[in-house]
N, C-alpha and C. Protein backbone atom coordinates (compact mmCIF):
# COMPACT_ATOMS: atom_id res chain seq x y z
N MET A 1 0.97 -1.21 0.05
CA MET A 1 0.00 -0.17 -0.24
C MET A 1 0.89 1.30 -0.11
N ASN A 2 0.77 1.90 -1.30
CA ASN A 2 1.44 3.08 -1.20
C ASN A 2 1.55 3.98 0.03
N HIS A 3 1.75 5.69 0.38
CA HIS A 3 1.51 6.55 0.94
C HIS A 3 0.08 7.04 0.89
N ASP A 4 -0.14 7.34 -0.10
CA ASP A 4 -1.56 8.20 -0.15
C ASP A 4 -2.66 7.17 -0.24
N GLU A 5 -2.69 6.04 -0.41
CA GLU A 5 -3.82 5.18 -0.14
C GLU A 5 -4.00 5.04 1.80
N GLN A 6 -2.75 4.82 2.20
CA GLN A 6 -2.25 4.68 3.36
C GLN A 6 -3.00 5.79 3.88
N ARG A 7 -3.12 6.81 3.72
CA ARG A 7 -3.50 8.46 4.04
C ARG A 7 -5.13 8.27 3.70
N THR A 8 -5.25 7.96 2.94
CA THR A 8 -6.91 7.99 2.57
C THR A 8 -7.53 6.72 3.23
N THR A 9 -7.32 5.63 3.66
CA THR A 9 -7.54 5.00 4.76
C THR A 9 -7.53 5.46 6.29
N THR A 10 -6.91 5.93 6.64
CA THR A 10 -6.90 6.59 7.67
C THR A 10 -7.70 7.69 8.06
N LEU A 11 -8.09 8.44 6.66
CA LEU A 11 -9.13 9.31 6.76
C LEU A 11 -10.48 8.73 6.66
N HIS A 12 -10.58 7.38 6.51
CA HIS A 12 -12.04 7.16 6.15
C HIS A 12 -11.64 6.60 7.54
N ARG A 13 -11.15 5.80 8.11
CA ARG A 13 -11.12 5.18 9.78
C ARG A 13 -11.32 6.67 10.70
N LEU A 14 -10.72 7.80 10.63
CA LEU A 14 -10.70 8.31 11.76
C LEU A 14 -12.19 9.18 11.65
N THR A 15 -12.97 9.01 10.30
CA THR A 15 -14.07 9.75 9.85
C THR A 15 -15.23 9.04 10.36
N ALA A 16 -14.98 7.55 10.45
CA ALA A 16 -15.87 6.56 11.11
C ALA A 16 -15.39 6.36 12.47
N LEU A 17 -14.71 6.86 13.13
CA LEU A 17 -14.59 6.81 14.50
C LEU A 17 -15.34 7.96 14.76
N TRP A 18 -15.10 9.17 14.06
CA TRP A 18 -16.03 10.62 14.58
C TRP A 18 -17.54 10.00 14.57
N ALA A 19 -17.83 9.50 13.64
CA ALA A 19 -19.71 9.58 13.70
C ALA A 19 -20.01 8.31 14.48
N LEU A 20 -18.79 7.45 14.94
CA LEU A 20 -19.38 6.47 15.92
C LEU A 20 -19.51 7.28 17.09
N GLY A 21 -18.32 8.13 17.69
CA GLY A 21 -18.35 8.65 18.36
C GLY A 21 -19.84 9.87 18.74
N GLU A 22 -20.05 10.28 18.00
CA GLU A 22 -21.04 11.52 17.60
C GLU A 22 -22.53 10.54 18.06
N SER A 23 -22.17 9.77 17.20
CA SER A 23 -23.97 8.76 17.36
C SER A 23 -23.49 7.42 18.53
N GLY A 24 -22.33 7.18 18.95
CA GLY A 24 -22.76 6.22 20.09
C GLY A 24 -22.81 6.61 21.18
N LEU A 25 -21.83 7.38 21.67
CA LEU A 25 -21.39 8.25 22.82
C LEU A 25 -22.27 8.92 22.69
N GLY A 26 -22.60 10.09 22.02
CA GLY A 26 -23.42 11.09 22.46
C GLY A 26 -24.77 10.86 22.92
N GLY A 27 -25.31 9.74 21.74
CA GLY A 27 -26.66 9.26 21.81
C GLY A 27 -26.94 8.41 22.86
N TRP A 28 -25.79 7.74 23.55
CA TRP A 28 -26.05 7.44 25.14
C TRP A 28 -25.84 8.35 25.91
N ARG A 29 -24.74 8.96 26.42
CA ARG A 29 -25.15 10.43 26.67
C ARG A 29 -26.40 10.77 26.84
N HIS A 30 -26.82 11.40 25.88
CA HIS A 30 -28.02 12.06 25.79
C HIS A 30 -29.48 11.37 26.06
N ALA A 31 -29.77 9.70 25.98
CA ALA A 31 -30.65 8.96 26.42
C ALA A 31 -30.57 8.89 27.91
N LEU A 32 -29.13 8.65 28.16
CA LEU A 32 -29.18 8.80 29.77
C LEU A 32 -29.44 9.90 30.81
N LYS A 33 -29.18 10.85 29.88
CA LYS A 33 -29.42 12.14 30.36
C LYS A 33 -27.96 12.80 31.68
N LEU A 34 -27.24 12.21 31.47
CA LEU A 34 -25.87 12.47 32.05
C LEU A 34 -25.59 13.83 31.67
N PRO A 35 -24.88 14.23 32.93
CA PRO A 35 -24.52 15.55 32.50
C PRO A 35 -23.45 16.21 31.55
N PHE A 36 -23.08 17.10 31.04
CA PHE A 36 -21.89 17.92 30.56
C PHE A 36 -21.82 16.76 29.14
N THR A 37 -22.74 16.12 28.87
CA THR A 37 -22.61 15.49 27.71
C THR A 37 -21.79 16.13 26.26
N GLY A 38 -22.35 17.39 26.15
CA GLY A 38 -21.50 18.41 24.49
C GLY A 38 -20.19 18.32 25.56
N ILE A 39 -19.61 18.51 26.48
CA ILE A 39 -18.61 18.91 27.03
C ILE A 39 -17.32 17.13 26.57
N PHE A 40 -18.01 16.32 26.54
CA PHE A 40 -17.25 15.45 26.73
C PHE A 40 -16.94 15.09 25.23
N VAL A 41 -18.23 14.74 24.57
CA VAL A 41 -18.53 14.49 22.85
C VAL A 41 -17.54 15.71 22.13
N GLY A 42 -17.62 17.16 22.82
CA GLY A 42 -17.02 17.61 21.90
C GLY A 42 -15.43 17.24 22.00
N GLY A 43 -15.16 17.59 22.94
CA GLY A 43 -13.59 16.92 23.45
C GLY A 43 -12.90 15.92 22.38
N PHE A 44 -13.79 14.77 22.34
CA PHE A 44 -13.63 13.38 21.85
C PHE A 44 -13.69 14.70 20.52
N ALA A 45 -14.41 14.82 19.60
CA ALA A 45 -15.09 15.58 18.71
C ALA A 45 -13.55 16.08 17.61
N VAL A 46 -12.74 18.02 18.84
CA VAL A 46 -12.01 18.04 18.50
C VAL A 46 -10.89 17.38 18.72
N VAL A 47 -10.33 16.49 19.27
CA VAL A 47 -9.58 15.28 18.83
C VAL A 47 -9.55 14.86 17.36
N ILE A 48 -10.51 14.75 17.02
CA ILE A 48 -10.18 13.63 15.98
C ILE A 48 -10.53 14.48 14.86
N ILE A 49 -10.82 15.68 14.72
CA ILE A 49 -11.10 16.51 13.81
C ILE A 49 -9.96 17.31 13.56
N SER A 50 -9.02 17.63 14.67
CA SER A 50 -7.64 17.59 14.53
C SER A 50 -6.85 16.69 14.12
N LEU A 51 -7.05 15.36 13.96
CA LEU A 51 -6.32 14.08 13.14
C LEU A 51 -6.61 14.10 12.10
N LEU A 52 -7.79 14.79 11.45
CA LEU A 52 -8.19 14.94 10.36
C LEU A 52 -7.60 15.59 9.38
N ALA A 53 -7.46 17.31 10.04
CA ALA A 53 -6.89 18.17 9.28
C ALA A 53 -5.51 17.59 9.12
N TYR A 54 -4.92 17.09 10.31
CA TYR A 54 -3.35 16.60 10.21
C TYR A 54 -3.12 15.40 9.09
N TYR A 55 -4.17 14.73 8.93
CA TYR A 55 -3.76 13.37 7.66
C TYR A 55 -4.49 13.75 6.73
N SER A 56 -5.20 14.98 6.70
CA SER A 56 -5.80 15.10 5.05
C SER A 56 -4.78 16.60 4.65
N ARG A 57 -3.92 17.00 5.09
CA ARG A 57 -2.76 17.94 5.17
C ARG A 57 -3.89 19.63 5.09
N ASN A 58 -4.80 19.73 6.03
CA ASN A 58 -5.54 21.09 6.12
C ASN A 58 -6.58 20.75 4.75
N ASN A 59 -6.96 20.05 3.87
CA ASN A 59 -7.80 20.14 3.09
C ASN A 59 -9.40 20.27 3.63
N MET A 60 -10.06 21.14 2.98
CA MET A 60 -10.99 21.70 3.65
C MET A 60 -12.14 20.58 3.02
N ARG A 61 -11.90 20.36 2.12
CA ARG A 61 -12.92 19.49 1.31
C ARG A 61 -12.75 18.35 1.94
N GLN A 62 -12.00 17.64 2.17
CA GLN A 62 -12.19 15.92 2.91
C GLN A 62 -13.15 16.21 3.93
N MET A 63 -12.20 17.37 4.81
CA MET A 63 -12.79 17.90 6.29
C MET A 63 -14.62 18.03 5.81
N LEU A 64 -14.50 18.89 4.97
CA LEU A 64 -16.20 18.65 4.91
C LEU A 64 -17.05 17.46 4.54
N GLN A 65 -16.25 17.17 3.54
CA GLN A 65 -17.02 15.45 3.45
C GLN A 65 -16.87 14.43 4.30
N ALA A 66 -16.17 14.76 5.50
CA ALA A 66 -16.17 13.72 6.50
C ALA A 66 -17.28 14.82 7.84
N LEU A 67 -17.23 16.15 7.40
CA LEU A 67 -18.56 16.32 8.42
C LEU A 67 -19.76 15.79 7.95
N GLY A 68 -20.15 15.74 6.41
CA GLY A 68 -21.64 15.24 6.12
C GLY A 68 -21.93 14.36 6.40
N LEU A 69 -20.65 13.61 5.98
CA LEU A 69 -21.06 12.06 6.50
C LEU A 69 -21.26 11.64 7.83
N VAL A 70 -20.53 12.48 8.74
CA VAL A 70 -21.17 12.19 10.18
C VAL A 70 -22.48 12.99 10.44
N LEU A 71 -22.65 13.70 10.29
CA LEU A 71 -24.10 14.16 10.22
C LEU A 71 -25.28 13.34 9.63
N MET A 72 -24.97 12.63 8.80
CA MET A 72 -26.00 11.90 7.90
C MET A 72 -25.95 10.46 8.85
N VAL A 73 -24.60 9.45 9.46
CA VAL A 73 -24.70 8.85 10.68
C VAL A 73 -25.47 9.37 11.57
N LYS A 74 -25.03 10.47 11.90
CA LYS A 74 -25.54 10.91 13.19
C LYS A 74 -27.43 11.09 13.31
N CYS A 75 -27.50 11.58 12.27
CA CYS A 75 -29.09 11.26 12.03
C CYS A 75 -29.60 9.96 11.60
N ALA A 76 -28.80 9.17 10.99
CA ALA A 76 -29.74 7.59 10.76
C ALA A 76 -29.78 6.78 12.11
N VAL A 77 -28.41 6.64 13.05
CA VAL A 77 -27.96 6.20 14.23
C VAL A 77 -28.32 6.59 15.44
N SER A 78 -29.05 8.00 15.89
CA SER A 78 -29.51 8.28 16.55
C SER A 78 -30.23 9.76 16.61
N PRO A 79 -31.79 9.34 16.33
CA PRO A 79 -32.59 10.23 15.87
C PRO A 79 -33.10 11.14 16.75
N GLN A 80 -32.87 10.15 18.48
CA GLN A 80 -33.40 11.13 19.33
C GLN A 80 -32.67 12.03 19.99
N SER A 81 -31.02 12.67 19.20
CA SER A 81 -30.74 13.54 19.50
C SER A 81 -31.49 15.00 19.70
N PRO A 82 -30.78 15.27 20.39
CA PRO A 82 -31.54 17.16 20.29
C PRO A 82 -31.27 18.19 19.04
N PRO A 83 -31.94 19.16 18.45
CA PRO A 83 -31.19 19.68 17.33
C PRO A 83 -30.16 20.66 17.58
N GLN A 84 -29.62 20.39 18.91
CA GLN A 84 -28.34 21.42 19.78
C GLN A 84 -27.22 20.48 19.16
N ALA A 85 -27.35 18.96 19.02
CA ALA A 85 -26.18 18.58 18.83
C ALA A 85 -25.92 18.32 17.66
N TYR A 86 -26.65 18.47 16.34
CA TYR A 86 -26.16 18.76 15.24
C TYR A 86 -25.77 19.74 14.84
N VAL A 87 -26.21 21.12 15.78
CA VAL A 87 -25.30 22.24 15.55
C VAL A 87 -24.06 22.12 15.98
N ALA A 88 -24.02 21.40 17.20
CA ALA A 88 -22.98 22.02 18.24
C ALA A 88 -21.65 21.23 16.60
N VAL A 89 -22.32 19.68 16.11
CA VAL A 89 -21.32 18.17 15.53
C VAL A 89 -20.84 19.78 13.84
N ALA A 90 -21.91 20.24 13.47
CA ALA A 90 -22.01 21.14 12.32
C ALA A 90 -20.96 22.04 12.51
N PHE A 91 -21.22 23.03 13.76
CA PHE A 91 -20.09 24.08 13.89
C PHE A 91 -18.35 23.85 14.39
N GLN A 92 -18.47 22.56 15.02
CA GLN A 92 -17.28 21.68 14.86
C GLN A 92 -16.65 21.79 13.72
N GLY A 93 -17.21 20.73 13.03
CA GLY A 93 -16.22 20.36 11.72
C GLY A 93 -16.36 21.27 10.90
N LEU A 94 -17.39 22.86 10.72
CA LEU A 94 -16.54 24.32 10.17
C LEU A 94 -15.42 25.00 10.61
N ILE A 95 -15.87 25.25 12.14
CA ILE A 95 -14.73 26.01 12.33
C ILE A 95 -13.56 25.68 12.64
N GLY A 96 -13.42 23.83 12.32
CA GLY A 96 -12.05 23.27 12.42
C GLY A 96 -11.50 23.14 11.06
N ALA A 97 -12.15 23.51 10.07
CA ALA A 97 -11.71 23.08 8.43
C ALA A 97 -11.34 24.12 7.97
N VAL A 98 -12.15 25.30 8.70
CA VAL A 98 -12.08 27.38 8.21
C VAL A 98 -10.50 27.23 9.06
N LEU A 99 -10.63 27.25 10.57
CA LEU A 99 -9.09 27.00 11.28
C LEU A 99 -8.10 26.65 10.61
N TYR A 100 -8.30 25.64 10.05
CA TYR A 100 -7.20 24.62 9.92
C TYR A 100 -6.40 25.42 8.47
N LYS A 101 -7.57 25.51 7.59
CA LYS A 101 -6.72 26.41 6.38
C LYS A 101 -6.44 27.42 6.53
N ALA A 102 -6.92 28.11 7.57
CA ALA A 102 -6.58 29.52 7.77
C ALA A 102 -5.23 30.29 8.34
N ILE A 103 -5.28 29.25 9.51
CA ILE A 103 -4.02 29.07 9.94
C ILE A 103 -2.90 28.43 10.03
N SER A 104 -1.49 28.55 9.19
CA SER A 104 -0.36 26.90 8.85
C SER A 104 -0.18 26.45 9.80
N ASN A 105 -0.42 27.05 11.35
CA ASN A 105 0.86 26.78 12.70
C ASN A 105 -0.30 25.66 12.86
N PHE A 106 -0.08 24.37 12.96
CA PHE A 106 -0.82 23.39 13.11
C PHE A 106 -1.21 23.24 14.87
N THR A 107 0.09 23.90 15.19
CA THR A 107 0.02 23.74 17.13
C THR A 107 -1.25 24.64 17.77
N ILE A 108 -1.32 26.00 17.12
CA ILE A 108 -1.55 27.74 17.48
C ILE A 108 -3.28 27.20 16.52
N ALA A 109 -3.30 26.29 15.34
CA ALA A 109 -4.51 26.14 15.26
C ALA A 109 -5.35 25.48 15.72
N SER A 110 -4.75 24.06 16.65
CA SER A 110 -5.62 23.20 17.34
C SER A 110 -5.66 23.63 18.59
N LEU A 111 -4.77 24.65 19.05
CA LEU A 111 -4.95 25.59 20.63
C LEU A 111 -6.39 25.92 20.59
N LEU A 112 -6.41 27.28 19.61
CA LEU A 112 -7.33 28.28 18.88
C LEU A 112 -8.66 27.00 18.78
N PHE A 113 -8.21 26.04 17.85
CA PHE A 113 -9.73 25.35 17.96
C PHE A 113 -10.46 24.54 18.66
N GLY A 114 -9.35 24.06 19.90
CA GLY A 114 -10.28 23.50 20.89
C GLY A 114 -10.26 24.50 21.75
N ILE A 115 -10.24 25.77 22.23
CA ILE A 115 -11.02 26.65 22.98
C ILE A 115 -12.40 27.25 21.96
N VAL A 116 -12.14 27.75 20.98
CA VAL A 116 -13.18 27.72 20.49
C VAL A 116 -14.33 26.44 20.20
N ALA A 117 -13.87 25.74 20.19
CA ALA A 117 -14.71 24.02 20.39
C ALA A 117 -15.50 24.63 21.67
N MET A 118 -15.07 24.34 22.89
CA MET A 118 -15.06 23.90 23.89
C MET A 118 -16.25 25.23 24.54
N VAL A 119 -15.81 26.53 24.29
CA VAL A 119 -16.59 27.54 25.05
C VAL A 119 -17.90 27.94 24.31
N GLU A 120 -17.88 27.50 23.20
CA GLU A 120 -19.41 26.96 22.30
C GLU A 120 -19.91 26.05 22.76
N SER A 121 -19.66 25.21 22.99
CA SER A 121 -20.28 24.03 23.71
C SER A 121 -21.08 24.38 25.09
N ALA A 122 -19.74 25.02 26.41
CA ALA A 122 -20.42 25.40 27.55
C ALA A 122 -21.54 26.79 27.06
N VAL A 123 -21.67 27.43 25.97
CA VAL A 123 -22.84 28.47 25.96
C VAL A 123 -24.13 28.28 24.76
N GLN A 124 -23.85 26.51 24.40
CA GLN A 124 -24.23 26.80 23.43
C GLN A 124 -25.85 26.52 24.14
N LYS A 125 -26.43 26.22 24.97
CA LYS A 125 -28.23 25.83 25.45
C LYS A 125 -28.14 28.01 25.37
N VAL A 126 -27.51 28.31 25.84
CA VAL A 126 -27.50 29.79 26.17
C VAL A 126 -28.03 30.84 24.99
N LEU A 127 -27.06 30.68 24.00
CA LEU A 127 -26.89 31.04 22.71
C LEU A 127 -28.24 30.31 21.96
N PHE A 128 -28.94 29.25 22.04
CA PHE A 128 -29.55 28.30 21.63
C PHE A 128 -30.88 28.98 22.36
N MET A 129 -31.10 29.09 22.94
CA MET A 129 -32.40 29.92 24.12
C MET A 129 -32.13 31.10 23.62
N LEU A 130 -31.14 31.81 23.31
CA LEU A 130 -31.86 33.23 22.93
C LEU A 130 -31.64 33.44 21.30
N ILE A 131 -31.30 32.94 20.73
CA ILE A 131 -31.47 32.71 19.32
C ILE A 131 -32.84 32.71 19.08
N LEU A 132 -33.26 31.52 19.54
CA LEU A 132 -34.78 30.98 19.38
C LEU A 132 -35.76 31.64 20.11
N PHE A 133 -35.79 32.40 21.35
CA PHE A 133 -37.02 33.52 21.89
C PHE A 133 -36.14 34.52 22.05
């Protein structure tokens, strides 16, 4: 297996792991009504998105394709998830793709992405209620 095939396989596996984490871990935590679901699942997503950015060499198209697939799997496997969960996944995927494309230093982009994603997760319920009502 050459290097490009190996990298493509790695991207597919990371996408599958992200989808499993979002639908499995997030779905179970939501169904059991456990606290801090967004922080745990969001932290997992930050790690996976960072690895996707690293192995895709900051290819925004590949990262957005992975995001689309994760959203489809999440919708199919755990339809009981609230709309805020889909908004959070979409936000994390989009902001990750944009930050890794815009910032060439991987370490700085990762730190900024982690901070933004976790802050969004922490204030999402307040923002969602403010926008809706």
